Amino acid sequence: MKIIDSFIDWLGVQKRYSPRTLVLYRSAVDEFYAHIFPEGEIEAGEEISVLTPLNIRGFIAGGLESGLSARTMNLKLAALSSYCSYLMKQGVISSNPVKKVFRPKEDKKLPEFYTEKAMGNYFESLTEERQEQEGEEPFPVLRNRTILLLLYAGGIRRAELCGLKITDFDPERSVIRVLGKGDKLREIPIPYVICQELLLYLKRINREFPGNSDGYFFLTDAGRPLYPAFVNNVVKKELEKVEGFTGRKSPHLLRHSLATHLLNRGADLNSIKEILGHSSLAATQIYTHNSFEQLKNAYLTAHPRAKNGGNNGN
């Protein structure tokens, strides 16, 4: 439908949503209409008249009954709400029907993360590989290691890594500039030792790909800019080499890991929020739950009644 096409164009141009988000939003709206019109025949004007709280509740209920999670259906609701807001701006409808629909309650899920020991094992294994290497290591080996290093050291998102340019790295100030969600620019401090690693990598990529006219920080083996699936494969391949990495192996878990490790080592939430590029402190506070075990251990170690089975002074 043309109205959906114009909505997606508006999201891309005015809201600057990522291509992946545009696909998800388009899919959600299409699924809603497929639920209302299972035979696919929609008469003129019906695409507007069916936007009612009752129909939207039915769409959500149908998704939950089919086994989709509350989180998934809430994401679809967010897309429908954005769609209805767009129609309001166009004067097509007078109110947003999604506002009258209760959102399914989601189970609270704490972010997964890798332990400091596991990350230490990974970087130690790289040092050992270097020492055993005879001659210059292949460029893909160096690149993949640097990708993991920067994902963890900077806590940057996968899309931010793919879009990173060589000029975004300022070795004199030991920072990288990252263009995050909503085109928000932030600077991330990088430890001196890691800056030296990045400089060594840049010398190599400039030699391997002198024609890197767009100046991307990372390139594929064929000299093209990185793409999400490529980064996923690199992370999975690298972490499978070392013990201690169970479950999912993804770029986002490296980001979660940095946030958790920073918090465990005493960094304040506001600083972590700025490094991760969160728009609100609420998004950062989820990491406080992951630090509960450390808090518990410190409490039991320090509490006078927790020592010797609580028999102190008896």
C-alpha atoms as a PDB file:
ATOM      1  CA  MET A   1       0.000   0.000   0.000  1.00  0.00           C
ATOM      2  CA  LYS A   2       1.231   3.460  -0.880  1.00  0.00           C
ATOM      3  CA  ILE A   3       0.452   4.830   2.574  1.00  0.00           C
ATOM      4  CA  ILE A   4       2.795   2.296   4.162  1.00  0.00           C
ATOM      5  CA  ASP A   5       5.468   3.096   1.594  1.00  0.00           C
ATOM      6  CA  SER A   6       5.260   6.788   2.457  1.00  0.00           C
ATOM      7  CA  PHE A   7       5.420   5.931   6.175  1.00  0.00           C
ATOM      8  CA  ILE A   8       8.617   3.925   5.711  1.00  0.00           C
ATOM      9  CA  ASP A   9      10.121   6.696   3.557  1.00  0.00           C
ATOM     10  CA  TRP A  10       9.297   9.177   6.326  1.00  0.00           C
ATOM     11  CA  LEU A  11      11.008   7.001   8.948  1.00  0.00           C
ATOM     12  CA  GLY A  12      14.108   6.705   6.805  1.00  0.00           C
ATOM     13  CA  VAL A  13      14.391  10.370   5.819  1.00  0.00           C
ATOM     14  CA  GLN A  14      12.932  12.287   8.768  1.00  0.00           C
ATOM     15  CA  LYS A  15      13.667   9.912  11.641  1.00  0.00           C
ATOM     16  CA  ARG A  16      16.845   8.479  10.113  1.00  0.00           C
ATOM     17  CA  TYR A  17      16.012   4.954  11.237  1.00  0.00           C
ATOM     18  CA  SER A  18      18.443   2.229  10.235  1.00  0.00           C
ATOM     19  CA  PRO A  19      17.632  -0.045   7.263  1.00  0.00           C
ATOM     20  CA  ARG A  20      17.129  -2.964   9.665  1.00  0.00           C
ATOM     21  CA  THR A  21      14.610  -0.980  11.745  1.00  0.00           C
ATOM     22  CA  LEU A  22      12.755   0.025   8.587  1.00  0.00           C
ATOM     23  CA  VAL A  23      12.419  -3.645   7.617  1.00  0.00           C
ATOM     24  CA  LEU A  24      11.111  -4.544  11.097  1.00  0.00           C
ATOM     25  CA  TYR A  25       8.579  -1.703  11.120  1.00  0.00           C
ATOM     26  CA  ARG A  26       7.358  -2.534   7.634  1.00  0.00           C
ATOM     27  CA  SER A  27       7.000  -6.183   8.593  1.00  0.00           C
ATOM     28  CA  ALA A  28       4.983  -5.334  11.724  1.00  0.00           C
ATOM     29  CA  VAL A  29       2.494  -3.175   9.825  1.00  0.00           C
ATOM     30  CA  ASP A  30       2.180  -5.750   7.040  1.00  0.00           C
ATOM     31  CA  GLU A  31       1.561  -8.499   9.609  1.00  0.00           C
ATOM     32  CA  PHE A  32      -1.193  -6.465  11.228  1.00  0.00           C
ATOM     33  CA  TYR A  33      -3.017  -6.073   7.922  1.00  0.00           C
ATOM     34  CA  ALA A  34      -2.446  -9.750   7.094  1.00  0.00           C
ATOM     35  CA  HIS A  35      -4.115 -10.610  10.418  1.00  0.00           C
ATOM     36  CA  ILE A  36      -7.132  -8.417   9.643  1.00  0.00           C
ATOM     37  CA  PHE A  37      -7.328  -9.369   5.972  1.00  0.00           C
ATOM     38  CA  PRO A  38      -6.101 -12.993   5.780  1.00  0.00           C
ATOM     39  CA  GLU A  39      -7.222 -13.252   2.143  1.00  0.00           C
ATOM     40  CA  GLY A  40      -5.225 -10.156   1.232  1.00  0.00           C
ATOM     41  CA  GLU A  41      -8.117  -8.186  -0.307  1.00  0.00           C
ATOM     42  CA  ILE A  42      -8.348  -4.642   1.060  1.00  0.00           C
ATOM     43  CA  GLU A  43     -10.874  -2.182  -0.309  1.00  0.00           C
ATOM     44  CA  ALA A  44     -10.167   1.542  -0.501  1.00  0.00           C
ATOM     45  CA  GLY A  45     -10.314   3.180   2.926  1.00  0.00           C
ATOM     46  CA  GLU A  46     -10.381  -0.090   4.857  1.00  0.00           C
ATOM     47  CA  GLU A  47      -6.708   0.147   5.766  1.00  0.00           C
ATOM     48  CA  ILE A  48      -7.639   3.174   7.895  1.00  0.00           C
ATOM     49  CA  SER A  49     -10.991   2.059   9.296  1.00  0.00           C
ATOM     50  CA  VAL A  50      -9.521  -1.164  10.750  1.00  0.00           C
ATOM     51  CA  LEU A  51      -7.053   0.751  12.915  1.00  0.00           C
ATOM     52  CA  THR A  52      -9.067   0.313  16.116  1.00  0.00           C
ATOM     53  CA  PRO A  53      -8.014  -0.712  19.648  1.00  0.00           C
ATOM     54  CA  LEU A  54     -10.129  -3.878  19.333  1.00  0.00           C
ATOM     55  CA  ASN A  55      -8.397  -5.019  16.139  1.00  0.00           C
ATOM     56  CA  ILE A  56      -4.967  -4.191  17.514  1.00  0.00           C
ATOM     57  CA  ARG A  57      -5.704  -6.177  20.706  1.00  0.00           C
ATOM     58  CA  GLY A  58      -6.749  -9.104  18.521  1.00  0.00           C
ATOM     59  CA  PHE A  59      -3.502  -8.864  16.574  1.00  0.00           C
ATOM     60  CA  ILE A  60      -1.438  -8.909  19.779  1.00  0.00           C
ATOM     61  CA  ALA A  61      -3.458 -11.772  21.265  1.00  0.00           C
ATOM     62  CA  GLY A  62      -3.036 -13.790  18.076  1.00  0.00           C
ATOM     63  CA  GLY A  63       0.714 -13.298  18.158  1.00  0.00           C
ATOM     64  CA  LEU A  64       0.964 -14.380  21.785  1.00  0.00           C
ATOM     65  CA  GLU A  65      -1.204 -17.447  21.143  1.00  0.00           C
ATOM     66  CA  SER A  66       1.063 -18.448  18.249  1.00  0.00           C
ATOM     67  CA  GLY A  67       4.027 -18.535  20.624  1.00  0.00           C
ATOM     68  CA  LEU A  68       5.609 -15.124  20.043  1.00  0.00           C
ATOM     69  CA  SER A  69       7.041 -13.481  23.160  1.00  0.00           C
ATOM     70  CA  ALA A  70       5.614 -10.448  24.907  1.00  0.00           C
ATOM     71  CA  ARG A  71       8.765  -8.558  23.963  1.00  0.00           C
ATOM     72  CA  THR A  72       8.289  -9.349  20.280  1.00  0.00           C
ATOM     73  CA  MET A  73       4.665  -8.231  20.341  1.00  0.00           C
ATOM     74  CA  ASN A  74       5.580  -5.034  22.190  1.00  0.00           C
ATOM     75  CA  LEU A  75       8.071  -4.254  19.443  1.00  0.00           C
ATOM     76  CA  LYS A  76       5.307  -4.745  16.883  1.00  0.00           C
ATOM     77  CA  LEU A  77       3.051  -2.473  18.947  1.00  0.00           C
ATOM     78  CA  ALA A  78       5.762   0.187  18.898  1.00  0.00           C
ATOM     79  CA  ALA A  79       5.871  -0.034  15.097  1.00  0.00           C
ATOM     80  CA  LEU A  80       2.080   0.238  14.846  1.00  0.00           C
ATOM     81  CA  SER A  81       2.087   3.192  17.227  1.00  0.00           C
ATOM     82  CA  SER A  82       4.671   4.959  15.077  1.00  0.00           C
ATOM     83  CA  TYR A  83       2.576   4.197  12.002  1.00  0.00           C
ATOM     84  CA  CYS A  84      -0.552   5.666  13.607  1.00  0.00           C
ATOM     85  CA  SER A  85       1.394   8.723  14.779  1.00  0.00           C
ATOM     86  CA  TYR A  86       2.458   9.277  11.188  1.00  0.00           C
ATOM     87  CA  LEU A  87      -1.165   9.037  10.029  1.00  0.00           C
ATOM     88  CA  MET A  88      -2.117  11.621  12.645  1.00  0.00           C
ATOM     89  CA  LYS A  89       0.549  13.986  11.306  1.00  0.00           C
ATOM     90  CA  GLN A  90      -0.955  13.509   7.855  1.00  0.00           C
ATOM     91  CA  GLY A  91      -4.431  14.301   9.174  1.00  0.00           C
ATOM     92  CA  VAL A  92      -5.711  10.840   8.223  1.00  0.00           C
ATOM     93  CA  ILE A  93      -6.764   9.848  11.768  1.00  0.00           C
ATOM     94  CA  SER A  94      -7.507  12.008  14.797  1.00  0.00           C
ATOM     95  CA  SER A  95      -6.039   9.848  17.574  1.00  0.00           C
ATOM     96  CA  ASN A  96      -3.632   6.970  18.068  1.00  0.00           C
ATOM     97  CA  PRO A  97      -5.565   3.736  18.786  1.00  0.00           C
ATOM     98  CA  VAL A  98      -2.447   1.986  20.065  1.00  0.00           C
ATOM     99  CA  LYS A  99      -2.484   4.299  23.101  1.00  0.00           C
ATOM    100  CA  LYS A 100      -5.621   2.481  24.283  1.00  0.00           C
ATOM    101  CA  VAL A 101      -4.031  -0.974  24.083  1.00  0.00           C
ATOM    102  CA  PHE A 102      -2.297  -2.457  27.129  1.00  0.00           C
ATOM    103  CA  ARG A 103       1.125  -3.813  26.403  1.00  0.00           C
ATOM    104  CA  PRO A 104       1.816  -7.463  27.290  1.00  0.00           C
ATOM    105  CA  LYS A 105       3.891  -7.830  30.432  1.00  0.00           C
ATOM    106  CA  GLU A 106       7.429  -8.940  29.679  1.00  0.00           C
ATOM    107  CA  ASP A 107       9.508 -11.241  31.840  1.00  0.00           C
ATOM    108  CA  LYS A 108      12.456  -9.333  33.195  1.00  0.00           C
ATOM    109  CA  LYS A 109      15.570 -10.656  31.528  1.00  0.00           C
ATOM    110  CA  LEU A 110      18.978  -9.650  32.776  1.00  0.00           C
ATOM    111  CA  PRO A 111      21.603  -8.959  30.121  1.00  0.00           C
ATOM    112  CA  GLU A 112      24.040 -11.794  29.519  1.00  0.00           C
ATOM    113  CA  PHE A 113      27.747 -11.095  29.736  1.00  0.00           C
ATOM    114  CA  TYR A 114      31.117 -12.800  29.598  1.00  0.00           C
ATOM    115  CA  THR A 115      33.246 -13.020  32.725  1.00  0.00           C
ATOM    116  CA  GLU A 116      36.417 -11.011  33.135  1.00  0.00           C
ATOM    117  CA  LYS A 117      38.300 -14.300  33.369  1.00  0.00           C
ATOM    118  CA  ALA A 118      36.951 -15.448  29.995  1.00  0.00           C
ATOM    119  CA  MET A 119      37.879 -12.144  28.347  1.00  0.00           C
ATOM    120  CA  GLY A 120      41.317 -12.357  29.967  1.00  0.00           C
ATOM    121  CA  ASN A 121      41.752 -15.867  28.576  1.00  0.00           C
ATOM    122  CA  TYR A 122      40.917 -14.626  25.087  1.00  0.00           C
ATOM    123  CA  PHE A 123      43.422 -11.771  25.074  1.00  0.00           C
ATOM    124  CA  GLU A 124      46.119 -13.923  26.692  1.00  0.00           C
ATOM    125  CA  SER A 125      45.633 -16.514  23.964  1.00  0.00           C
ATOM    126  CA  LEU A 126      46.226 -13.802  21.363  1.00  0.00           C
ATOM    127  CA  THR A 127      49.524 -12.881  23.010  1.00  0.00           C
ATOM    128  CA  GLU A 128      50.599 -16.529  22.917  1.00  0.00           C
ATOM    129  CA  GLU A 129      49.610 -16.814  19.237  1.00  0.00           C
ATOM    130  CA  ARG A 130      51.714 -13.760  18.402  1.00  0.00           C
ATOM    131  CA  GLN A 131      54.744 -15.166  20.174  1.00  0.00           C
ATOM    132  CA  GLU A 132      54.431 -18.442  18.284  1.00  0.00           C
ATOM    133  CA  GLN A 133      53.853 -16.728  14.944  1.00  0.00           C
ATOM    134  CA  GLU A 134      56.716 -16.906  12.490  1.00  0.00           C
ATOM    135  CA  GLY A 135      56.851 -13.852  10.298  1.00  0.00           C
ATOM    136  CA  GLU A 136      54.037 -11.404   9.760  1.00  0.00           C
ATOM    137  CA  GLU A 137      50.578 -12.618  10.699  1.00  0.00           C
ATOM    138  CA  PRO A 138      47.896 -12.671   7.970  1.00  0.00           C
ATOM    139  CA  PHE A 139      45.843  -9.481   7.760  1.00  0.00           C
ATOM    140  CA  PRO A 140      42.489 -11.228   8.527  1.00  0.00           C
ATOM    141  CA  VAL A 141      43.956 -12.542  11.792  1.00  0.00           C
ATOM    142  CA  LEU A 142      45.056  -9.049  12.829  1.00  0.00           C
ATOM    143  CA  ARG A 143      41.766  -7.487  11.730  1.00  0.00           C
ATOM    144  CA  ASN A 144      39.593  -9.996  13.567  1.00  0.00           C
ATOM    145  CA  ARG A 145      41.565  -9.573  16.768  1.00  0.00           C
ATOM    146  CA  THR A 146      41.276  -5.778  16.492  1.00  0.00           C
ATOM    147  CA  ILE A 147      37.523  -6.037  15.916  1.00  0.00           C
ATOM    148  CA  LEU A 148      37.127  -7.970  19.182  1.00  0.00           C
ATOM    149  CA  LEU A 149      39.444  -5.584  20.969  1.00  0.00           C
ATOM    150  CA  LEU A 150      37.492  -2.508  19.919  1.00  0.00           C
ATOM    151  CA  LEU A 151      34.044  -4.024  20.496  1.00  0.00           C
ATOM    152  CA  TYR A 152      35.037  -4.843  24.066  1.00  0.00           C
ATOM    153  CA  ALA A 153      37.321  -1.879  24.845  1.00  0.00           C
ATOM    154  CA  GLY A 154      34.864   0.687  23.515  1.00  0.00           C
ATOM    155  CA  GLY A 155      31.564  -1.078  24.179  1.00  0.00           C
ATOM    156  CA  ILE A 156      30.420   0.045  20.745  1.00  0.00           C
ATOM    157  CA  ARG A 157      27.464  -1.349  18.839  1.00  0.00           C
ATOM    158  CA  ARG A 158      27.872  -3.564  15.801  1.00  0.00           C
ATOM    159  CA  ALA A 159      26.486  -0.895  13.445  1.00  0.00           C
ATOM    160  CA  GLU A 160      28.821   1.694  14.984  1.00  0.00           C
ATOM    161  CA  LEU A 161      31.786  -0.576  14.317  1.00  0.00           C
ATOM    162  CA  CYS A 162      30.746  -1.085  10.681  1.00  0.00           C
ATOM    163  CA  GLY A 163      30.494   2.668  10.123  1.00  0.00           C
ATOM    164  CA  LEU A 164      33.724   3.603  11.896  1.00  0.00           C
ATOM    165  CA  LYS A 165      36.179   5.642   9.823  1.00  0.00           C
ATOM    166  CA  ILE A 166      39.939   5.971  10.287  1.00  0.00           C
ATOM    167  CA  THR A 167      39.473   9.690  10.980  1.00  0.00           C
ATOM    168  CA  ASP A 168      37.215   8.792  13.924  1.00  0.00           C
ATOM    169  CA  PHE A 169      40.269   7.627  15.857  1.00  0.00           C
ATOM    170  CA  ASP A 170      42.236  10.385  17.618  1.00  0.00           C
ATOM    171  CA  PRO A 171      45.400   8.756  19.015  1.00  0.00           C
ATOM    172  CA  GLU A 172      46.720  12.037  20.455  1.00  0.00           C
ATOM    173  CA  ARG A 173      43.676  12.338  22.720  1.00  0.00           C
ATOM    174  CA  SER A 174      43.211   8.540  23.027  1.00  0.00           C
ATOM    175  CA  VAL A 175      39.551   8.629  21.955  1.00  0.00           C
ATOM    176  CA  ILE A 176      37.346   7.313  19.192  1.00  0.00           C
ATOM    177  CA  ARG A 177      34.369   9.274  17.904  1.00  0.00           C
ATOM    178  CA  VAL A 178      31.285   7.148  17.330  1.00  0.00           C
ATOM    179  CA  LEU A 179      28.092   8.062  15.499  1.00  0.00           C
ATOM    180  CA  GLY A 180      25.386   6.279  17.480  1.00  0.00           C
ATOM    181  CA  LYS A 181      21.619   5.943  17.349  1.00  0.00           C
ATOM    182  CA  GLY A 182      19.779   9.055  16.223  1.00  0.00           C
ATOM    183  CA  ASP A 183      23.039  10.372  14.713  1.00  0.00           C
ATOM    184  CA  LYS A 184      24.310  11.222  18.200  1.00  0.00           C
ATOM    185  CA  LEU A 185      28.060  11.682  18.250  1.00  0.00           C
ATOM    186  CA  ARG A 186      29.983  10.586  21.334  1.00  0.00           C
ATOM    187  CA  GLU A 187      33.639  10.192  22.265  1.00  0.00           C
ATOM    188  CA  ILE A 188      34.907   7.059  23.962  1.00  0.00           C
ATOM    189  CA  PRO A 189      38.229   7.063  25.857  1.00  0.00           C
ATOM    190  CA  ILE A 190      40.587   4.261  24.825  1.00  0.00           C
ATOM    191  CA  PRO A 191      43.412   3.027  27.110  1.00  0.00           C
ATOM    192  CA  TYR A 192      46.932   3.853  25.906  1.00  0.00           C
ATOM    193  CA  VAL A 193      47.921   0.208  25.397  1.00  0.00           C
ATOM    194  CA  ILE A 194      44.909  -0.377  23.158  1.00  0.00           C
ATOM    195  CA  CYS A 195      45.627   2.832  21.227  1.00  0.00           C
ATOM    196  CA  GLN A 196      49.028   1.399  20.381  1.00  0.00           C
ATOM    197  CA  GLU A 197      47.361  -1.771  19.086  1.00  0.00           C
ATOM    198  CA  LEU A 198      45.037   0.325  16.931  1.00  0.00           C
ATOM    199  CA  LEU A 199      47.938   2.294  15.493  1.00  0.00           C
ATOM    200  CA  LEU A 200      49.724  -0.921  14.526  1.00  0.00           C
ATOM    201  CA  TYR A 201      46.551  -2.152  12.869  1.00  0.00           C
ATOM    202  CA  LEU A 202      46.115   1.096  10.916  1.00  0.00           C
ATOM    203  CA  LYS A 203      49.659   0.879   9.556  1.00  0.00           C
ATOM    204  CA  ARG A 204      48.848  -2.575   8.275  1.00  0.00           C
ATOM    205  CA  ILE A 205      45.465  -1.774   6.699  1.00  0.00           C
ATOM    206  CA  ASN A 206      46.924   1.256   4.931  1.00  0.00           C
ATOM    207  CA  ARG A 207      49.541  -1.033   3.447  1.00  0.00           C
ATOM    208  CA  GLU A 208      47.090  -3.819   2.562  1.00  0.00           C
ATOM    209  CA  PHE A 209      44.420  -1.511   1.092  1.00  0.00           C
ATOM    210  CA  PRO A 210      46.010   1.728  -0.169  1.00  0.00           C
ATOM    211  CA  GLY A 211      42.881   2.361  -2.227  1.00  0.00           C
ATOM    212  CA  ASN A 212      40.592   2.632   0.818  1.00  0.00           C
ATOM    213  CA  SER A 213      39.173   5.902  -0.507  1.00  0.00           C
ATOM    214  CA  ASP A 214      36.184   5.956   1.873  1.00  0.00           C
ATOM    215  CA  GLY A 215      38.527   5.581   4.827  1.00  0.00           C
ATOM    216  CA  TYR A 216      36.696   2.799   6.661  1.00  0.00           C
ATOM    217  CA  PHE A 217      38.500   1.566   9.764  1.00  0.00           C
ATOM    218  CA  PHE A 218      37.689  -2.076   9.040  1.00  0.00           C
ATOM    219  CA  LEU A 219      37.413  -3.855   5.698  1.00  0.00           C
ATOM    220  CA  THR A 220      36.523  -7.373   4.617  1.00  0.00           C
ATOM    221  CA  ASP A 221      39.061  -9.639   2.937  1.00  0.00           C
ATOM    222  CA  ALA A 222      37.835  -8.235  -0.381  1.00  0.00           C
ATOM    223  CA  GLY A 223      38.417  -4.642   0.752  1.00  0.00           C
ATOM    224  CA  ARG A 224      34.757  -3.737   1.276  1.00  0.00           C
ATOM    225  CA  PRO A 225      33.162  -2.115   4.351  1.00  0.00           C
ATOM    226  CA  LEU A 226      32.028  -4.490   7.088  1.00  0.00           C
ATOM    227  CA  TYR A 227      28.405  -5.616   7.317  1.00  0.00           C
ATOM    228  CA  PRO A 228      26.504  -7.015  10.352  1.00  0.00           C
ATOM    229  CA  ALA A 229      26.655 -10.721   9.432  1.00  0.00           C
ATOM    230  CA  PHE A 230      30.408 -10.457   8.849  1.00  0.00           C
ATOM    231  CA  VAL A 231      30.948  -9.019  12.339  1.00  0.00           C
ATOM    232  CA  ASN A 232      28.750 -11.726  13.871  1.00  0.00           C
ATOM    233  CA  ASN A 233      30.837 -14.430  12.202  1.00  0.00           C
ATOM    234  CA  VAL A 234      34.113 -12.867  13.331  1.00  0.00           C
ATOM    235  CA  VAL A 235      32.985 -12.698  16.969  1.00  0.00           C
ATOM    236  CA  LYS A 236      31.686 -16.260  16.930  1.00  0.00           C
ATOM    237  CA  LYS A 237      34.852 -17.599  15.308  1.00  0.00           C
ATOM    238  CA  GLU A 238      37.168 -15.747  17.673  1.00  0.00           C
ATOM    239  CA  LEU A 239      35.394 -16.667  20.918  1.00  0.00           C
ATOM    240  CA  GLU A 240      35.075 -20.314  19.964  1.00  0.00           C
ATOM    241  CA  LYS A 241      38.870 -20.564  20.140  1.00  0.00           C
ATOM    242  CA  VAL A 242      38.970 -20.106  23.918  1.00  0.00           C
ATOM    243  CA  GLU A 243      37.409 -21.770  26.955  1.00  0.00           C
ATOM    244  CA  GLY A 244      34.950 -19.870  29.122  1.00  0.00           C
ATOM    245  CA  PHE A 245      32.563 -18.628  26.452  1.00  0.00           C
ATOM    246  CA  THR A 246      29.320 -20.559  26.724  1.00  0.00           C
ATOM    247  CA  GLY A 247      25.969 -19.788  25.157  1.00  0.00           C
ATOM    248  CA  ARG A 248      25.603 -17.021  22.604  1.00  0.00           C
ATOM    249  CA  LYS A 249      28.655 -15.414  21.078  1.00  0.00           C
ATOM    250  CA  SER A 250      27.684 -12.023  19.751  1.00  0.00           C
ATOM    251  CA  PRO A 251      29.001  -8.454  19.433  1.00  0.00           C
ATOM    252  CA  HIS A 252      26.281  -7.180  21.756  1.00  0.00           C
ATOM    253  CA  LEU A 253      27.398  -9.474  24.565  1.00  0.00           C
ATOM    254  CA  LEU A 254      30.835  -7.881  24.405  1.00  0.00           C
ATOM    255  CA  ARG A 255      29.120  -4.532  24.964  1.00  0.00           C
ATOM    256  CA  HIS A 256      27.160  -5.966  27.904  1.00  0.00           C
ATOM    257  CA  SER A 257      30.373  -7.420  29.278  1.00  0.00           C
ATOM    258  CA  LEU A 258      32.231  -4.111  29.253  1.00  0.00           C
ATOM    259  CA  ALA A 259      29.357  -2.359  31.040  1.00  0.00           C
ATOM    260  CA  THR A 260      29.189  -5.061  33.705  1.00  0.00           C
ATOM    261  CA  HIS A 261      32.950  -5.149  34.237  1.00  0.00           C
ATOM    262  CA  LEU A 262      33.154  -1.349  34.510  1.00  0.00           C
ATOM    263  CA  LEU A 263      30.384  -1.343  37.094  1.00  0.00           C
ATOM    264  CA  ASN A 264      32.008  -4.152  39.059  1.00  0.00           C
ATOM    265  CA  ARG A 265      35.223  -2.151  39.175  1.00  0.00           C
ATOM    266  CA  GLY A 266      33.576   0.965  40.576  1.00  0.00           C
ATOM    267  CA  ALA A 267      32.646   3.060  37.533  1.00  0.00           C
ATOM    268  CA  ASP A 268      29.537   5.173  38.130  1.00  0.00           C
ATOM    269  CA  LEU A 269      26.374   4.646  36.103  1.00  0.00           C
ATOM    270  CA  ASN A 270      26.437   8.083  34.472  1.00  0.00           C
ATOM    271  CA  SER A 271      29.925   7.472  33.077  1.00  0.00           C
ATOM    272  CA  ILE A 272      28.897   4.058  31.727  1.00  0.00           C
ATOM    273  CA  LYS A 273      25.770   5.637  30.223  1.00  0.00           C
ATOM    274  CA  GLU A 274      27.894   8.155  28.291  1.00  0.00           C
ATOM    275  CA  ILE A 275      30.334   5.502  27.052  1.00  0.00           C
ATOM    276  CA  LEU A 276      27.540   3.213  25.832  1.00  0.00           C
ATOM    277  CA  GLY A 277      25.575   6.080  24.287  1.00  0.00           C
ATOM    278  CA  HIS A 278      22.353   5.328  26.147  1.00  0.00           C
ATOM    279  CA  SER A 279      19.672   7.999  25.883  1.00  0.00           C
ATOM    280  CA  SER A 280      18.531   7.497  29.483  1.00  0.00           C
ATOM    281  CA  LEU A 281      19.986   6.196  32.736  1.00  0.00           C
ATOM    282  CA  ALA A 282      17.224   3.598  32.948  1.00  0.00           C
ATOM    283  CA  ALA A 283      18.801   1.670  30.067  1.00  0.00           C
ATOM    284  CA  THR A 284      22.106   1.532  31.953  1.00  0.00           C
ATOM    285  CA  GLN A 285      20.648   0.519  35.309  1.00  0.00           C
ATOM    286  CA  ILE A 286      19.954  -3.030  34.150  1.00  0.00           C
ATOM    287  CA  TYR A 287      23.651  -3.754  34.645  1.00  0.00           C
ATOM    288  CA  THR A 288      23.354  -3.174  38.391  1.00  0.00           C
ATOM    289  CA  HIS A 289      21.562  -6.535  38.677  1.00  0.00           C
ATOM    290  CA  ASN A 290      24.522  -8.367  37.210  1.00  0.00           C
ATOM    291  CA  SER A 291      26.731  -6.976  39.968  1.00  0.00           C
ATOM    292  CA  PHE A 292      24.597  -8.368  42.782  1.00  0.00           C
ATOM    293  CA  GLU A 293      26.877 -11.348  43.436  1.00  0.00           C
ATOM    294  CA  GLN A 294      29.857  -9.050  43.895  1.00  0.00           C
ATOM    295  CA  LEU A 295      27.796  -6.852  46.227  1.00  0.00           C
ATOM    296  CA  LYS A 296      26.686  -9.926  48.169  1.00  0.00           C
ATOM    297  CA  ASN A 297      30.250 -11.203  48.561  1.00  0.00           C
ATOM    298  CA  ALA A 298      31.529  -7.811  49.713  1.00  0.00           C
ATOM    299  CA  TYR A 299      28.665  -7.521  52.203  1.00  0.00           C
ATOM    300  CA  LEU A 300      29.200 -10.982  53.675  1.00  0.00           C
ATOM    301  CA  THR A 301      32.942 -10.395  53.897  1.00  0.00           C
ATOM    302  CA  ALA A 302      32.577  -7.089  55.723  1.00  0.00           C
ATOM    303  CA  HIS A 303      29.508  -7.677  57.893  1.00  0.00           C
ATOM    304  CA  PRO A 304      30.545  -8.399  61.506  1.00  0.00           C
ATOM    305  CA  ARG A 305      27.676 -10.838  62.075  1.00  0.00           C
ATOM    306  CA  ALA A 306      28.497 -12.798  58.892  1.00  0.00           C
ATOM    307  CA  LYS A 307      31.914 -13.923  60.174  1.00  0.00           C
ATOM    308  CA  ASN A 308      32.452 -17.279  61.871  1.00  0.00           C
ATOM    309  CA  GLY A 309      28.885 -18.325  61.349  1.00  0.00           C
ATOM    310  CA  GLY A 310      27.571 -15.213  63.076  1.00  0.00           C
ATOM    311  CA  ASN A 311      29.064 -16.139  66.451  1.00  0.00           C
ATOM    312  CA  ASN A 312      31.208 -13.024  66.879  1.00  0.00           C
ATOM    313  CA  GLY A 313      30.938 -11.671  70.398  1.00  0.00           C
ATOM    314  CA  ASN A 314      29.011 -14.673  71.748  1.00  0.00           C
END
